[in-house]
Amino acid sequence: MATGYDVRYNILNDAKNILFEKWHDQCSFLKRNADLERRLLEPVPGPTAAEIKALAEELYEFVQRK
């Protein structure tokens, strides 16, 4: 059985993975558009620790509801 620490750690990892997958999809989309328009791709900042933490807290809150 998972401890509370394990659950929080897994939720934090899930939040990070969700946001980085979303970021990667956005980068791919913008790169395709830049290639089609023959222009340079502007750097897209990745998710911040604060954004990851906020999503993890939202997910954890959902898990805690009965």
N, C-alpha and C. Protein backbone atom coordinates (compact mmCIF):
# COMPACT_ATOMS: atom_id res chain seq x y z
N MET A 1 0.85 -1.18 0.00
CA MET A 1 0.00 0.00 0.00
C MET A 1 0.89 1.25 0.00
N ALA A 2 0.49 2.23 -0.76
CA ALA A 2 1.26 3.46 -0.89
C ALA A 2 1.07 4.34 0.35
N THR A 3 2.16 4.97 0.74
CA THR A 3 2.08 5.92 1.86
C THR A 3 1.60 7.27 1.32
N GLY A 4 1.30 8.19 2.22
CA GLY A 4 0.90 9.54 1.81
C GLY A 4 2.01 10.22 1.02
N TYR A 5 3.25 9.96 1.42
CA TYR A 5 4.39 10.53 0.71
C TYR A 5 4.43 10.00 -0.72
N ASP A 6 4.22 8.69 -0.88
CA ASP A 6 4.22 8.08 -2.22
C ASP A 6 3.15 8.69 -3.10
N VAL A 7 1.97 8.88 -2.53
CA VAL A 7 0.85 9.44 -3.30
C VAL A 7 1.18 10.86 -3.75
N ARG A 8 1.70 11.68 -2.83
CA ARG A 8 2.05 13.05 -3.18
C ARG A 8 3.17 13.10 -4.22
N TYR A 9 4.15 12.23 -4.07
CA TYR A 9 5.26 12.17 -5.02
C TYR A 9 4.76 11.78 -6.42
N ASN A 10 3.89 10.78 -6.47
CA ASN A 10 3.33 10.34 -7.75
C ASN A 10 2.48 11.43 -8.40
N ILE A 11 1.71 12.14 -7.60
CA ILE A 11 0.89 13.22 -8.13
C ILE A 11 1.77 14.35 -8.65
N LEU A 12 2.85 14.67 -7.94
CA LEU A 12 3.78 15.70 -8.40
C LEU A 12 4.41 15.28 -9.74
N ASN A 13 4.82 14.03 -9.85
CA ASN A 13 5.37 13.53 -11.12
C ASN A 13 4.33 13.57 -12.23
N ASP A 14 3.10 13.20 -11.91
CA ASP A 14 2.03 13.25 -12.92
C ASP A 14 1.81 14.68 -13.40
N ALA A 15 1.80 15.62 -12.48
CA ALA A 15 1.61 17.03 -12.84
C ALA A 15 2.75 17.50 -13.75
N LYS A 16 3.97 17.14 -13.39
CA LYS A 16 5.14 17.51 -14.21
C LYS A 16 5.02 16.91 -15.61
N ASN A 17 4.66 15.64 -15.67
CA ASN A 17 4.54 14.97 -16.97
C ASN A 17 3.43 15.58 -17.82
N ILE A 18 2.31 15.90 -17.21
CA ILE A 18 1.19 16.51 -17.94
C ILE A 18 1.63 17.84 -18.55
N LEU A 19 2.26 18.68 -17.73
CA LEU A 19 2.65 20.01 -18.22
C LEU A 19 3.77 19.94 -19.25
N PHE A 20 4.73 19.03 -19.07
CA PHE A 20 5.80 18.93 -20.06
C PHE A 20 5.31 18.31 -21.36
N GLU A 21 4.35 17.41 -21.29
CA GLU A 21 3.76 16.87 -22.52
C GLU A 21 3.00 17.96 -23.27
N LYS A 22 2.27 18.76 -22.54
CA LYS A 22 1.54 19.89 -23.13
C LYS A 22 2.53 20.88 -23.76
N TRP A 23 3.64 21.17 -23.06
CA TRP A 23 4.68 22.07 -23.56
C TRP A 23 5.32 21.50 -24.83
N HIS A 24 5.61 20.21 -24.81
CA HIS A 24 6.21 19.57 -25.97
C HIS A 24 5.28 19.64 -27.18
N ASP A 25 3.99 19.38 -26.96
CA ASP A 25 3.02 19.49 -28.05
C ASP A 25 2.97 20.91 -28.61
N GLN A 26 3.00 21.90 -27.74
CA GLN A 26 2.98 23.30 -28.16
C GLN A 26 4.23 23.63 -28.98
N CYS A 27 5.39 23.15 -28.51
CA CYS A 27 6.65 23.39 -29.23
C CYS A 27 6.60 22.76 -30.62
N SER A 28 6.09 21.54 -30.71
CA SER A 28 6.00 20.86 -32.00
C SER A 28 5.10 21.62 -32.96
N PHE A 29 3.97 22.08 -32.45
CA PHE A 29 3.02 22.84 -33.27
C PHE A 29 3.67 24.14 -33.78
N LEU A 30 4.32 24.85 -32.86
CA LEU A 30 4.95 26.12 -33.24
C LEU A 30 6.11 25.90 -34.21
N LYS A 31 6.85 24.80 -34.05
CA LYS A 31 7.95 24.50 -34.96
C LYS A 31 7.42 24.21 -36.37
N ARG A 32 6.34 23.43 -36.44
CA ARG A 32 5.75 23.15 -37.76
C ARG A 32 5.32 24.44 -38.44
N ASN A 33 4.68 25.32 -37.70
CA ASN A 33 4.25 26.60 -38.27
C ASN A 33 5.43 27.45 -38.70
N ALA A 34 6.46 27.49 -37.86
CA ALA A 34 7.66 28.27 -38.21
C ALA A 34 8.32 27.71 -39.47
N ASP A 35 8.37 26.39 -39.57
CA ASP A 35 8.96 25.76 -40.77
C ASP A 35 8.14 26.10 -42.01
N LEU A 36 6.83 26.04 -41.89
CA LEU A 36 5.96 26.34 -43.03
C LEU A 36 6.10 27.80 -43.46
N GLU A 37 6.28 28.68 -42.49
CA GLU A 37 6.40 30.10 -42.78
C GLU A 37 7.85 30.53 -43.00
N ARG A 38 8.76 29.58 -42.94
CA ARG A 38 10.20 29.81 -43.15
C ARG A 38 10.73 30.94 -42.26
N ARG A 39 10.47 30.79 -41.00
CA ARG A 39 10.96 31.76 -40.03
C ARG A 39 11.57 31.00 -38.85
N LEU A 40 12.32 31.74 -38.05
CA LEU A 40 12.95 31.12 -36.88
C LEU A 40 11.91 30.88 -35.78
N LEU A 41 12.11 29.81 -35.08
CA LEU A 41 11.23 29.47 -33.96
C LEU A 41 11.68 30.24 -32.72
N GLU A 42 10.76 30.95 -32.13
CA GLU A 42 11.04 31.65 -30.88
C GLU A 42 11.04 30.62 -29.74
N PRO A 43 11.96 30.74 -28.79
CA PRO A 43 11.98 29.79 -27.66
C PRO A 43 10.68 29.86 -26.86
N VAL A 44 10.21 28.71 -26.45
CA VAL A 44 8.99 28.63 -25.65
C VAL A 44 9.40 28.18 -24.25
N PRO A 45 9.15 29.01 -23.24
CA PRO A 45 9.55 28.61 -21.89
C PRO A 45 8.77 27.38 -21.42
N GLY A 46 9.47 26.50 -20.75
CA GLY A 46 8.83 25.29 -20.21
C GLY A 46 8.05 25.62 -18.95
N PRO A 47 7.36 24.64 -18.44
CA PRO A 47 6.58 24.84 -17.22
C PRO A 47 7.49 25.22 -16.05
N THR A 48 7.00 26.09 -15.22
CA THR A 48 7.77 26.49 -14.04
C THR A 48 7.44 25.56 -12.86
N ALA A 49 8.29 25.60 -11.86
CA ALA A 49 8.04 24.81 -10.65
C ALA A 49 6.72 25.22 -10.01
N ALA A 50 6.41 26.51 -10.06
CA ALA A 50 5.16 27.01 -9.47
C ALA A 50 3.95 26.44 -10.22
N GLU A 51 4.03 26.36 -11.54
CA GLU A 51 2.92 25.80 -12.33
C GLU A 51 2.75 24.31 -12.04
N ILE A 52 3.88 23.60 -11.92
CA ILE A 52 3.81 22.17 -11.62
C ILE A 52 3.20 21.96 -10.24
N LYS A 53 3.65 22.75 -9.28
CA LYS A 53 3.12 22.63 -7.91
C LYS A 53 1.63 22.94 -7.88
N ALA A 54 1.20 23.98 -8.60
CA ALA A 54 -0.22 24.35 -8.61
C ALA A 54 -1.08 23.23 -9.18
N LEU A 55 -0.62 22.62 -10.27
CA LEU A 55 -1.38 21.52 -10.86
C LEU A 55 -1.38 20.32 -9.91
N ALA A 56 -0.25 20.03 -9.28
CA ALA A 56 -0.18 18.91 -8.33
C ALA A 56 -1.15 19.13 -7.17
N GLU A 57 -1.22 20.36 -6.68
CA GLU A 57 -2.16 20.65 -5.59
C GLU A 57 -3.60 20.46 -6.05
N GLU A 58 -3.89 20.86 -7.27
CA GLU A 58 -5.24 20.68 -7.81
C GLU A 58 -5.57 19.19 -7.94
N LEU A 59 -4.63 18.41 -8.44
CA LEU A 59 -4.84 16.97 -8.57
C LEU A 59 -4.97 16.31 -7.20
N TYR A 60 -4.15 16.72 -6.26
CA TYR A 60 -4.19 16.15 -4.91
C TYR A 60 -5.52 16.47 -4.24
N GLU A 61 -6.01 17.67 -4.45
CA GLU A 61 -7.30 18.06 -3.88
C GLU A 61 -8.40 17.16 -4.42
N PHE A 62 -8.34 16.84 -5.70
CA PHE A 62 -9.34 15.95 -6.30
C PHE A 62 -9.26 14.56 -5.67
N VAL A 63 -8.06 14.07 -5.45
CA VAL A 63 -7.87 12.74 -4.88
C VAL A 63 -8.40 12.69 -3.45
N GLN A 64 -8.27 13.79 -2.71
CA GLN A 64 -8.68 13.83 -1.30
C GLN A 64 -10.19 13.91 -1.11
N ARG A 65 -10.92 14.36 -2.16
CA ARG A 65 -12.38 14.45 -2.03
C ARG A 65 -13.00 13.08 -1.91
N LYS A 66 -14.04 13.01 -1.11
CA LYS A 66 -14.76 11.73 -0.93
C LYS A 66 -16.08 11.76 -1.63
